[in-house]
Amino acid sequence: MSFLSPEIFRSIFAYALFLFGLLFISAGFWKLMAYGLSNHARTLAAQSARIGQKGLADDIARLMQAAVQLNESVSRLLMTSAGVGFLLTLIGCGLLTASYFVAFVLQ
């Protein structure tokens, strides 16, 4: 009987997949819950508010166009962050499923 028999290797592999799956799911949830609190999003939102206030006194058309572009940038930044969180969660679920199949289905 060797130290790394197929059964032991399969169980170690299943545990590793399970732990990586939990890690990916927790990272995905963390990213999804923290996407609105991003420093970049706060900075861009503050800058767009400043441009909006400045637009009342200066050339309104150019400054309002810049404010709209900043708002779109914030929107894209938040959607990208949410997409990354969703992808991490999806990969984690796939790893958990693979862990189940390695542990219980493959024999």
Protein backbone atom coordinates (compact mmCIF):
# COMPACT_ATOMS: atom_id res chain seq x y z
CA MET A 1 0.00 0.00 0.00
CA SER A 2 1.58 3.25 -1.12
CA PHE A 3 1.21 6.61 0.55
CA LEU A 4 -0.61 8.13 -2.42
CA SER A 5 -3.14 5.51 -3.42
CA PRO A 6 -5.83 6.50 -5.92
CA GLU A 7 -8.44 6.82 -3.17
CA ILE A 8 -6.27 9.13 -1.07
CA PHE A 9 -5.31 11.19 -4.11
CA ARG A 10 -8.98 11.50 -5.11
CA SER A 11 -9.98 12.67 -1.63
CA ILE A 12 -7.12 15.20 -1.44
CA PHE A 13 -8.06 16.49 -4.88
CA ALA A 14 -11.74 16.74 -3.88
CA TYR A 15 -10.86 18.66 -0.69
CA ALA A 16 -8.60 21.02 -2.64
CA LEU A 17 -11.36 21.67 -5.21
CA PHE A 18 -13.83 22.24 -2.39
CA LEU A 19 -11.56 24.75 -0.63
CA PHE A 20 -10.80 26.60 -3.86
CA GLY A 21 -14.53 26.67 -4.63
CA LEU A 22 -15.29 28.20 -1.25
CA LEU A 23 -12.48 30.70 -1.74
CA PHE A 24 -13.80 31.76 -5.16
CA ILE A 25 -17.39 32.04 -3.91
CA SER A 26 -16.37 34.14 -0.93
CA ALA A 27 -14.21 36.38 -3.15
CA GLY A 28 -17.11 36.76 -5.57
CA PHE A 29 -19.55 37.68 -2.82
CA TRP A 30 -16.99 40.10 -1.38
CA LYS A 31 -16.61 41.74 -4.77
CA LEU A 32 -20.39 41.90 -5.30
CA MET A 33 -21.02 43.41 -1.88
CA ALA A 34 -18.20 45.95 -2.11
CA TYR A 35 -18.70 47.09 -5.71
CA GLY A 36 -20.60 50.24 -4.70
CA LEU A 37 -17.95 51.20 -2.18
CA SER A 38 -15.09 51.42 -4.63
CA ASN A 39 -12.73 54.36 -4.14
CA HIS A 40 -12.60 54.92 -7.88
CA ALA A 41 -16.38 55.12 -8.09
CA ARG A 42 -16.54 57.61 -5.23
CA THR A 43 -13.83 59.76 -6.79
CA LEU A 44 -15.53 59.78 -10.19
CA ALA A 45 -18.90 60.60 -8.63
CA ALA A 46 -17.39 63.48 -6.66
CA GLN A 47 -15.69 64.84 -9.78
CA SER A 48 -18.90 64.71 -11.78
CA ALA A 49 -20.69 66.65 -9.02
CA ARG A 50 -17.97 69.31 -9.11
CA ILE A 51 -18.23 69.57 -12.88
CA GLY A 52 -22.00 69.91 -12.60
CA GLN A 53 -21.63 72.79 -10.15
CA LYS A 54 -18.98 74.45 -12.29
CA GLY A 55 -21.18 74.06 -15.35
CA LEU A 56 -23.65 76.56 -13.98
CA ALA A 57 -21.07 79.35 -14.19
CA ASP A 58 -19.00 78.36 -17.23
CA ASP A 59 -19.64 76.96 -20.68
CA ILE A 60 -22.50 74.61 -19.89
CA ALA A 61 -22.48 72.44 -23.00
CA ARG A 62 -18.87 71.23 -22.75
CA LEU A 63 -18.95 70.74 -19.00
CA MET A 64 -22.24 68.89 -19.03
CA GLN A 65 -20.91 66.59 -21.73
CA ALA A 66 -17.91 65.87 -19.49
CA ALA A 67 -20.25 65.18 -16.56
CA VAL A 68 -22.27 62.75 -18.65
CA GLN A 69 -19.07 60.95 -19.69
CA LEU A 70 -17.99 60.72 -16.05
CA ASN A 71 -21.35 59.27 -15.06
CA GLU A 72 -21.07 56.70 -17.85
CA SER A 73 -17.57 55.83 -16.65
CA VAL A 74 -18.84 55.27 -13.11
CA SER A 75 -21.63 53.11 -14.49
CA ARG A 76 -19.22 50.99 -16.54
CA LEU A 77 -16.86 50.68 -13.58
CA LEU A 78 -19.64 49.37 -11.36
CA MET A 79 -20.94 46.98 -14.00
CA THR A 80 -17.44 45.61 -14.59
CA SER A 81 -16.94 45.10 -10.87
CA ALA A 82 -20.28 43.32 -10.56
CA GLY A 83 -19.40 41.15 -13.57
CA VAL A 84 -16.10 40.12 -12.00
CA GLY A 85 -17.90 39.23 -8.76
CA PHE A 86 -20.48 37.18 -10.64
CA LEU A 87 -17.77 35.38 -12.62
CA LEU A 88 -15.83 34.52 -9.45
CA THR A 89 -19.00 33.17 -7.86
CA LEU A 90 -19.81 31.14 -10.96
CA ILE A 91 -16.30 29.65 -11.08
CA GLY A 92 -16.59 28.81 -7.37
CA CYS A 93 -19.86 26.96 -7.97
CA GLY A 94 -18.19 25.06 -10.80
CA LEU A 95 -15.31 24.06 -8.52
CA LEU A 96 -17.75 22.89 -5.84
CA THR A 97 -19.59 20.83 -8.44
CA ALA A 98 -16.31 19.34 -9.66
CA SER A 99 -15.39 18.55 -6.05
CA TYR A 100 -18.66 16.67 -5.60
CA PHE A 101 -18.12 14.66 -8.77
CA VAL A 102 -14.53 13.80 -7.86
CA ALA A 103 -15.50 12.76 -4.33
CA PHE A 104 -18.70 10.85 -4.92
CA VAL A 105 -19.31 10.07 -8.60
CA LEU A 106 -15.88 8.99 -9.85
CA GLN A 107 -14.92 5.69 -8.30
